């Protein structure tokens, strides 16, 4: 049996005779690894999957062609199959020299000369699965935020809990939501969850916006940035994001009114996805709607309080008006009595000597009646809402007049 598997002759490495040319026409990658880890055979597809020409692989050890591969799970599965001959399958993420990755479904089978590996590239499938998983996480976050909106009526608690829910759904690396004061566009308050970015927090505490949020607020459109783009190279916030992060900044707008902004950090590449952008814009719209509802509710409550105060004042005024009418009626009747009393005092004094003791006592009675009459006139003026006549009073004279009366008490 010829063990030079890379030749054009028919060879027997799997227990039956085959032609390498047939394997070269397959859509799957095929390779045979010797017990000491050397490439005995590799077809064109497998070489293309590994991004190396066949001539650089045949006869070389895997660890020489791909340094570090012996530390991977794939190499461990290969060794186990080499030892016990059991059939195994796995999904493997292969890291290339430039840092990029590819996903492959691998099947391992023991053959007389080593292990035969069939490889099928599934990178697109894995990317689709990752995208679906991520979007499902975002949808869970949206559902939780929508439930939050129905029960939370405080704007600061709303944005704080919304950040937590979106990060807990595992859809985002970090989420920041800020409320701004118009027209200065200064940050009034903010909340964040996930990866802590101290440079960004310092910026927001100072009332300033990062460039991406400033552009989103100014243009009222979403802004996609990553720290590898020229727009973010001078941003201290982008430095802390890492190499594989997209930032998507969105304005929080409802009915043309700007409430603030939202910044989400996504796995690299996700920010460009239209489904991702649509979902995030929906989240931003829902949060803005909730903030608008809270504002309307707050204004309604303030109006209700003002209305209640006005009603209370009106009721008090009506009570005072009723008291005034009652006092006016009483004062009018009382004034008639006092007029008769003053008149009788005058009649009696006409029949008495002015210096007599009785005449002096009658003068006191008349003086008290006159003071009572003045009081009733004041009550009548109050009840009729007439202007009061202001005059200068001599307090000493008033106290002296009351002195004799008070002594008797």
Protein backbone atom coordinates (compact mmCIF):
# COMPACT_ATOMS: atom_id res chain seq x y z
CA UNK A 1 0.00 0.00 0.00
CA UNK A 2 1.35 3.39 -1.01
CA UNK A 3 1.35 5.75 2.03
CA UNK A 4 2.08 8.89 0.00
CA UNK A 5 -1.50 9.99 0.13
CA UNK A 6 -0.94 13.21 -1.79
CA UNK A 7 -0.05 11.34 -4.99
CA UNK A 8 -2.32 10.77 -7.96
CA UNK A 9 -2.39 6.99 -7.38
CA UNK A 10 -5.23 5.13 -5.71
CA UNK A 11 -4.48 4.75 -2.00
CA UNK A 12 -5.91 2.79 0.92
CA UNK A 13 -6.05 4.84 4.11
CA UNK A 14 -9.62 4.20 5.22
CA UNK A 15 -9.82 0.49 4.66
CA UNK A 16 -10.81 0.79 1.02
CA UNK A 17 -9.19 2.04 -2.16
CA UNK A 18 -9.96 5.64 -3.25
CA UNK A 19 -8.62 8.31 -5.56
CA UNK A 20 -7.39 11.61 -4.04
CA UNK A 21 -8.79 13.33 -7.15
CA UNK A 22 -12.28 12.37 -5.99
CA UNK A 23 -11.73 13.95 -2.58
CA UNK A 24 -10.37 17.07 -4.26
CA UNK A 25 -13.73 17.54 -5.99
CA UNK A 26 -15.77 17.44 -2.75
CA UNK A 27 -17.33 20.56 -1.27
CA UNK A 28 -16.16 19.52 2.18
CA UNK A 29 -12.63 19.78 3.46
CA UNK A 30 -10.79 16.47 3.82
CA UNK A 31 -7.51 15.86 5.64
CA UNK A 32 -5.64 12.92 7.10
CA UNK A 33 -3.45 13.47 10.16
CA UNK A 34 -0.76 10.97 11.16
CA UNK A 35 -0.32 9.76 14.77
CA UNK A 36 2.55 12.24 15.22
CA UNK A 37 0.33 15.13 14.04
CA UNK A 38 1.55 15.50 10.42
CA UNK A 39 -0.56 16.27 7.40
CA UNK A 40 -0.63 13.12 5.24
CA UNK A 41 -3.36 14.39 2.93
CA UNK A 42 -5.38 17.58 2.51
CA UNK A 43 -7.73 18.52 -0.32
CA UNK A 44 -8.15 21.91 -1.93
CA UNK A 45 -11.21 22.85 0.15
CA UNK A 46 -9.47 22.09 3.46
CA UNK A 47 -6.39 24.05 2.37
CA UNK A 48 -8.60 26.98 1.41
CA UNK A 49 -10.38 26.74 4.75
CA UNK A 50 -7.03 26.94 6.52
CA UNK A 51 -5.84 29.78 4.24
CA UNK A 52 -2.59 28.02 3.38
CA UNK A 53 -1.45 26.26 0.17
CA UNK A 54 -1.28 22.47 0.22
CA UNK A 55 2.46 22.58 -0.43
CA UNK A 56 2.96 24.34 2.92
CA UNK A 57 1.05 21.65 4.79
CA UNK A 58 1.77 18.17 3.38
CA UNK A 59 4.38 16.46 5.53
CA UNK A 60 4.41 19.21 8.19
CA UNK A 61 3.09 18.95 11.72
CA UNK A 62 -0.07 20.85 12.55
CA UNK A 63 1.70 22.77 15.34
CA UNK A 64 4.29 23.95 12.80
CA UNK A 65 1.69 25.13 10.30
CA UNK A 66 -0.60 26.66 12.94
CA UNK A 67 1.29 27.53 16.13
CA UNK A 68 -0.86 27.19 19.23
CA UNK A 69 -3.30 24.74 17.68
CA UNK A 70 -2.18 22.11 20.20
CA UNK A 71 -3.81 24.26 22.93
CA UNK A 72 -7.24 24.11 21.31
CA UNK A 73 -10.18 21.83 22.01
CA UNK A 74 -10.04 20.63 18.39
CA UNK A 75 -6.55 19.22 18.92
CA UNK A 76 -7.67 17.48 22.11
CA UNK A 77 -10.54 15.79 20.26
CA UNK A 78 -8.10 14.74 17.52
CA UNK A 79 -5.79 13.09 20.07
CA UNK A 80 -8.67 11.26 21.75
CA UNK A 81 -9.87 9.89 18.40
CA UNK A 82 -6.30 8.84 17.63
CA UNK A 83 -6.18 6.91 20.92
CA UNK A 84 -9.57 5.19 21.12
CA UNK A 85 -10.75 5.23 17.48
CA UNK A 86 -14.19 6.55 18.37
CA UNK A 87 -16.11 8.70 15.88
CA UNK A 88 -16.50 12.28 17.10
CA UNK A 89 -18.07 15.51 15.83
CA UNK A 90 -17.70 19.06 17.04
CA UNK A 91 -18.10 22.70 16.05
CA UNK A 92 -14.81 24.55 16.11
CA UNK A 93 -13.98 28.25 15.96
CA UNK A 94 -10.67 28.55 14.14
CA UNK A 95 -8.57 31.65 14.79
CA UNK A 96 -6.40 32.75 11.88
CA UNK A 97 -3.09 34.50 12.12
CA UNK A 98 -4.63 37.93 11.46
CA UNK A 99 -7.05 37.51 14.35
CA UNK A 100 -10.12 36.76 12.24
CA UNK A 101 -12.13 33.62 12.89
CA UNK A 102 -14.06 30.98 11.02
CA UNK A 103 -16.45 28.30 12.21
CA UNK A 104 -16.30 24.68 11.04
CA UNK A 105 -18.21 21.50 11.71
CA UNK A 106 -15.60 18.75 12.13
CA UNK A 107 -16.01 14.97 11.99
CA UNK A 108 -13.20 12.74 13.20
CA UNK A 109 -12.76 9.08 12.16
CA UNK A 110 -9.87 6.71 12.88
CA UNK A 111 -8.18 5.24 9.78
CA UNK A 112 -5.20 2.87 9.56
CA UNK A 113 -2.70 5.68 8.99
CA UNK A 114 -4.14 8.19 11.51
CA UNK A 115 -7.33 10.24 11.71
CA UNK A 116 -9.49 11.37 8.81
CA UNK A 117 -11.12 14.81 9.37
CA UNK A 118 -14.08 16.02 7.34
CA UNK A 119 -14.64 19.78 7.70
CA UNK A 120 -17.65 21.84 6.66
CA UNK A 121 -17.51 25.60 6.95
CA UNK A 122 -20.46 26.93 8.98
CA UNK A 123 -19.29 30.50 9.59
CA UNK A 124 -22.36 32.10 8.01
CA UNK A 125 -24.64 29.79 9.92
CA UNK A 126 -22.92 30.63 13.21
CA UNK A 127 -23.11 34.35 12.43
CA UNK A 128 -26.81 33.98 11.69
CA UNK A 129 -27.32 32.03 14.93
CA UNK A 130 -25.39 34.69 16.85
CA UNK A 131 -27.46 37.42 15.26
CA UNK A 132 -30.73 35.62 16.01
CA UNK A 133 -29.65 34.99 19.60
CA UNK A 134 -28.67 38.61 20.01
CA UNK A 135 -31.88 39.94 18.48
CA UNK A 136 -33.91 37.62 20.72
CA UNK A 137 -32.05 39.06 23.70
CA UNK A 138 -32.84 42.58 22.46
CA UNK A 139 -36.51 41.63 22.07
CA UNK A 140 -36.55 40.31 25.64
CA UNK A 141 -35.09 43.61 26.74
CA UNK A 142 -37.73 45.55 24.78
CA UNK A 143 -40.51 43.45 26.31
CA UNK A 144 -39.16 44.09 29.81
CA UNK A 145 -38.80 47.81 29.13
CA UNK A 146 -42.39 47.98 27.82
CA UNK A 147 -43.60 46.32 31.03
CA UNK A 148 -41.54 48.82 33.02
CA UNK A 149 -43.09 51.75 31.15
CA UNK A 150 -46.59 50.80 32.29
CA UNK A 151 -45.73 50.91 35.99
CA UNK A 152 -42.92 53.43 36.51
CA UNK A 153 -43.82 57.10 36.86
CA UNK A 154 -40.49 58.60 37.92
CA UNK A 155 -38.18 59.57 35.00
CA UNK A 156 -34.91 58.88 36.83
CA UNK A 157 -36.02 55.47 38.04
CA UNK A 158 -37.36 54.74 34.56
CA UNK A 159 -34.06 55.31 32.74
CA UNK A 160 -32.07 53.51 35.46
CA UNK A 161 -34.22 50.39 35.35
CA UNK A 162 -34.38 50.47 31.54
CA UNK A 163 -30.56 50.36 31.38
CA UNK A 164 -30.48 47.43 33.81
CA UNK A 165 -33.13 45.47 31.90
CA UNK A 166 -31.44 45.92 28.52
CA UNK A 167 -28.06 44.77 29.86
CA UNK A 168 -29.57 41.90 31.87
CA UNK A 169 -31.16 40.59 28.66
CA UNK A 170 -27.55 40.08 27.46
CA UNK A 171 -28.14 42.04 24.30
CA UNK A 172 -25.67 44.84 25.02
CA UNK A 173 -22.25 45.35 26.56
CA UNK A 174 -23.41 48.60 28.14
CA UNK A 175 -26.36 51.01 27.95
CA UNK A 176 -26.39 54.70 28.88
CA UNK A 177 -29.54 56.84 28.92
CA UNK A 178 -29.31 60.56 29.59
CA UNK A 179 -31.89 63.32 30.04
CA UNK A 180 -30.97 66.81 28.85
CA UNK A 181 -32.04 70.37 29.55
CA UNK A 182 -33.14 72.41 26.56
CA UNK A 183 -32.09 74.57 24.84
CA UNK A 184 -28.55 74.32 26.29
CA UNK A 185 -28.45 70.54 25.61
CA UNK A 186 -26.71 69.94 28.93
CA UNK A 187 -27.04 66.61 30.71
CA UNK A 188 -29.49 66.90 33.59
CA UNK A 189 -29.29 63.28 34.77
CA UNK A 190 -28.19 59.93 33.40
CA UNK A 191 -28.11 56.22 34.17
CA UNK A 192 -25.86 53.44 32.92
CA UNK A 193 -25.48 49.69 33.24
CA UNK A 194 -22.98 47.11 32.04
CA UNK A 195 -19.35 47.95 31.34
CA UNK A 196 -18.34 50.98 33.41
CA UNK A 197 -16.70 53.76 31.42
CA UNK A 198 -15.24 56.21 33.91
CA UNK A 199 -14.23 58.72 31.23
CA UNK A 200 -17.83 58.84 29.97
CA UNK A 201 -19.28 59.15 33.48
CA UNK A 202 -16.94 62.05 34.22
CA UNK A 203 -18.05 63.74 31.00
CA UNK A 204 -21.73 63.27 31.77
CA UNK A 205 -21.40 64.41 35.39
CA UNK A 206 -19.94 67.64 34.01
CA UNK A 207 -23.13 68.06 31.94
CA UNK A 208 -21.39 67.45 28.61
CA UNK A 209 -22.21 64.98 25.83
CA UNK A 210 -19.82 62.60 24.05
CA UNK A 211 -19.42 63.32 20.35
CA UNK A 212 -21.71 60.51 19.20
CA UNK A 213 -24.56 61.58 21.52
CA UNK A 214 -24.05 65.25 20.64
CA UNK A 215 -24.41 64.43 16.93
CA UNK A 216 -27.50 62.27 17.55
CA UNK A 217 -29.12 65.08 19.56
CA UNK A 218 -28.18 67.71 16.99
CA UNK A 219 -29.28 65.77 13.90
CA UNK A 220 -32.05 63.86 15.69
CA UNK A 221 -30.88 60.69 13.94
CA UNK A 222 -29.09 57.58 15.15
CA UNK A 223 -25.30 57.68 14.92
CA UNK A 224 -23.11 54.59 14.51
CA UNK A 225 -19.53 54.79 15.74
CA UNK A 226 -16.74 52.37 16.58
CA UNK A 227 -13.40 53.15 18.16
CA UNK A 228 -11.60 52.10 14.99
CA UNK A 229 -13.27 54.85 12.95
CA UNK A 230 -11.59 58.20 12.43
CA UNK A 231 -14.48 59.94 14.23
CA UNK A 232 -13.68 58.10 17.48
CA UNK A 233 -9.89 58.06 17.48
CA UNK A 234 -9.65 61.15 19.68
CA UNK A 235 -12.45 60.13 22.04
CA UNK A 236 -11.35 59.04 25.52
CA UNK A 237 -14.61 57.11 25.85
CA UNK A 238 -13.87 54.99 22.77
CA UNK A 239 -10.47 54.02 24.22
CA UNK A 240 -12.22 52.18 27.03
CA UNK A 241 -14.59 50.26 24.80
CA UNK A 242 -12.13 47.72 23.47
CA UNK A 243 -11.47 46.68 19.89
CA UNK A 244 -14.65 44.77 19.12
CA UNK A 245 -17.41 47.19 20.08
CA UNK A 246 -19.88 49.24 18.05
CA UNK A 247 -21.55 52.27 19.61
CA UNK A 248 -25.03 53.29 18.50
CA UNK A 249 -26.28 56.65 19.81
CA UNK A 250 -29.95 57.51 19.43
CA UNK A 251 -32.02 60.60 20.34
CA UNK A 252 -35.06 60.15 22.59
CA UNK A 253 -37.80 61.99 20.69
CA UNK A 254 -41.59 61.93 20.94
CA UNK A 255 -43.88 64.19 18.90
CA UNK A 256 -40.90 66.33 17.95
CA UNK A 257 -39.84 66.96 21.56
CA UNK A 258 -36.31 65.92 22.53
CA UNK A 259 -35.94 64.31 25.98
CA UNK A 260 -32.37 62.99 25.83
CA UNK A 261 -30.24 60.27 24.29
CA UNK A 262 -29.37 56.57 24.54
CA UNK A 263 -25.98 54.99 23.81
CA UNK A 264 -25.67 51.22 23.40
CA UNK A 265 -22.45 49.24 23.06
CA UNK A 266 -22.82 46.21 20.78
CA UNK A 267 -20.59 43.37 19.58
CA UNK A 268 -18.60 44.59 16.59
CA UNK A 269 -20.59 44.46 13.36
CA UNK A 270 -24.01 44.36 15.04
CA UNK A 271 -24.42 48.12 14.83
CA UNK A 272 -24.57 47.99 11.04
CA UNK A 273 -27.42 45.50 11.02
CA UNK A 274 -30.70 47.10 9.94
CA UNK A 275 -32.77 44.84 12.22
CA UNK A 276 -30.61 45.92 15.16
CA UNK A 277 -31.01 49.58 14.28
CA UNK A 278 -34.79 49.24 13.92
CA UNK A 279 -35.14 47.49 17.28
CA UNK A 280 -33.00 50.07 19.06
CA UNK A 281 -34.96 52.91 17.50
CA UNK A 282 -38.11 51.21 18.76
CA UNK A 283 -36.64 51.04 22.27
CA UNK A 284 -35.64 54.72 22.13
CA UNK A 285 -39.12 55.65 20.87
CA UNK A 286 -40.80 53.66 23.66
CA UNK A 287 -38.65 55.30 26.34
CA UNK A 288 -39.33 58.75 24.88
CA UNK A 289 -43.07 57.96 24.86
CA UNK A 290 -42.87 56.95 28.52
CA UNK A 291 -40.97 60.14 29.42
CA UNK A 292 -43.60 62.19 27.58
CA UNK A 293 -46.39 60.37 29.45
CA UNK A 294 -44.65 61.04 32.75
CA UNK A 295 -44.31 64.71 31.84
CA UNK A 296 -48.00 64.93 30.90
CA UNK A 297 -48.99 63.11 34.10
CA UNK A 298 -46.80 65.43 36.17
CA UNK A 299 -48.31 68.51 34.51
CA UNK A 300 -51.81 67.08 35.04
CA UNK A 301 -51.06 66.46 38.73
CA UNK A 302 -49.70 69.99 39.11
CA UNK A 303 -52.86 71.36 37.44
CA UNK A 304 -55.04 69.27 39.74
CA UNK A 305 -53.19 70.58 42.80
CA UNK A 306 -53.52 74.16 41.57
CA UNK A 307 -57.21 73.56 40.86
CA UNK A 308 -57.73 72.08 44.33
CA UNK A 309 -56.01 75.09 45.90
CA UNK A 310 -58.15 77.46 43.84
CA UNK A 311 -61.30 75.60 44.83
CA UNK A 312 -60.27 75.77 48.49
CA UNK A 313 -59.64 79.51 48.16
CA UNK A 314 -63.01 79.95 46.44
CA UNK A 315 -64.77 78.06 49.22
CA UNK A 316 -63.01 80.16 51.82
CA UNK A 317 -63.99 83.33 49.98
CA UNK A 318 -67.59 82.13 49.81
CA UNK A 319 -67.54 81.44 53.54
CA UNK A 320 -66.17 84.91 54.23
CA UNK A 321 -68.80 86.40 51.96
CA UNK A 322 -71.53 84.54 53.83
CA UNK A 323 -70.10 85.65 57.16
CA UNK A 324 -69.93 89.19 55.84
CA UNK A 325 -73.59 89.12 54.81
CA UNK A 326 -74.53 87.67 58.20
CA UNK A 327 -72.43 90.26 60.02
CA UNK A 328 -73.94 93.01 57.90
CA UNK A 329 -77.46 91.92 58.79
CA UNK A 330 -76.65 91.67 62.48
CA UNK A 331 -74.79 94.99 62.42
CA UNK A 332 -77.74 96.71 60.75
CA UNK A 333 -80.19 95.50 63.43
CA UNK A 334 -77.71 96.24 66.20
CA UNK A 335 -77.12 99.72 64.81
CA UNK A 336 -80.87 100.45 65.08
CA UNK A 337 -80.78 99.45 68.74
CA UNK A 338 -77.74 101.63 69.38
CA UNK A 339 -79.39 104.57 67.62
CA UNK A 340 -82.35 104.30 70.03
CA UNK A 341 -79.96 103.99 72.98
CA UNK A 342 -78.03 107.12 71.93
CA UNK A 343 -81.31 108.98 71.36
CA UNK A 344 -82.63 108.14 74.85
CA UNK A 345 -79.33 109.27 76.37
CA UNK A 346 -79.72 112.64 74.61
CA UNK A 347 -83.32 112.99 75.85
CA UNK A 348 -82.34 112.23 79.43
CA UNK A 349 -79.41 114.62 79.34
CA UNK A 350 -81.73 117.39 78.17
CA UNK A 351 -83.64 117.07 81.51
CA UNK A 352 -80.54 116.98 83.70
CA UNK A 353 -77.95 119.46 84.70
CA UNK A 354 -74.77 119.00 82.73
CA UNK A 355 -72.61 118.74 85.82
CA UNK A 356 -74.81 116.28 87.66
CA UNK A 357 -73.52 112.81 88.49
CA UNK A 358 -76.27 111.11 86.47
CA UNK A 359 -75.57 113.30 83.44
CA UNK A 360 -71.93 112.29 83.50
CA UNK A 361 -72.87 108.60 83.72
CA UNK A 362 -75.25 109.02 80.80
CA UNK A 363 -72.41 110.60 78.80
CA UNK A 364 -70.34 107.48 79.40
CA UNK A 365 -73.21 105.27 78.27
CA UNK A 366 -73.64 107.39 75.18
CA UNK A 367 -69.89 107.24 74.44
CA UNK A 368 -69.92 103.44 74.61
CA UNK A 369 -72.96 103.33 72.35
CA UNK A 370 -71.27 105.64 69.86
CA UNK A 371 -68.16 103.40 69.80
CA UNK A 372 -70.41 100.39 69.25
CA UNK A 373 -72.13 102.29 66.46
CA UNK A 374 -68.78 102.96 64.80
CA UNK A 375 -67.99 99.25 65.02
CA UNK A 376 -71.30 98.35 63.41
CA UNK A 377 -70.61 100.84 60.61
CA UNK A 378 -67.27 99.05 60.01
CA UNK A 379 -69.08 95.71 59.85
CA UNK A 380 -71.56 97.17 57.41
CA UNK A 381 -68.74 98.54 55.27
CA UNK A 382 -67.05 95.10 55.27
CA UNK A 383 -70.21 93.27 54.34
CA UNK A 384 -70.91 95.69 51.52
CA UNK A 385 -67.22 95.68 50.40
CA UNK A 386 -67.11 99.43 50.81
CA UNK A 387 -63.83 101.29 51.09
CA UNK A 388 -62.82 101.84 54.70
CA UNK A 389 -62.20 105.40 55.86
CA UNK A 390 -58.67 105.58 57.18
CA UNK A 391 -58.00 108.07 59.97
CA UNK A 392 -55.33 108.77 62.57
CA UNK A 393 -56.21 107.51 66.05
CA UNK A 394 -54.99 108.74 69.43
CA UNK A 395 -54.25 105.52 71.27
CA UNK A 396 -53.83 107.32 74.61
CA UNK A 397 -57.28 108.79 74.35
CA UNK A 398 -58.78 105.42 73.40
CA UNK A 399 -57.13 103.64 76.36
CA UNK A 400 -58.14 106.43 78.72
CA UNK A 401 -61.77 106.10 77.62
CA UNK A 402 -61.71 102.39 78.40
CA UNK A 403 -59.86 102.84 81.71
CA UNK A 404 -62.90 103.46 83.90
CA UNK A 405 -64.80 100.55 82.37
CA UNK A 406 -61.88 98.18 82.80
CA UNK A 407 -61.33 99.19 86.46
CA UNK A 408 -64.82 97.99 87.30
CA UNK A 409 -64.06 94.59 85.86
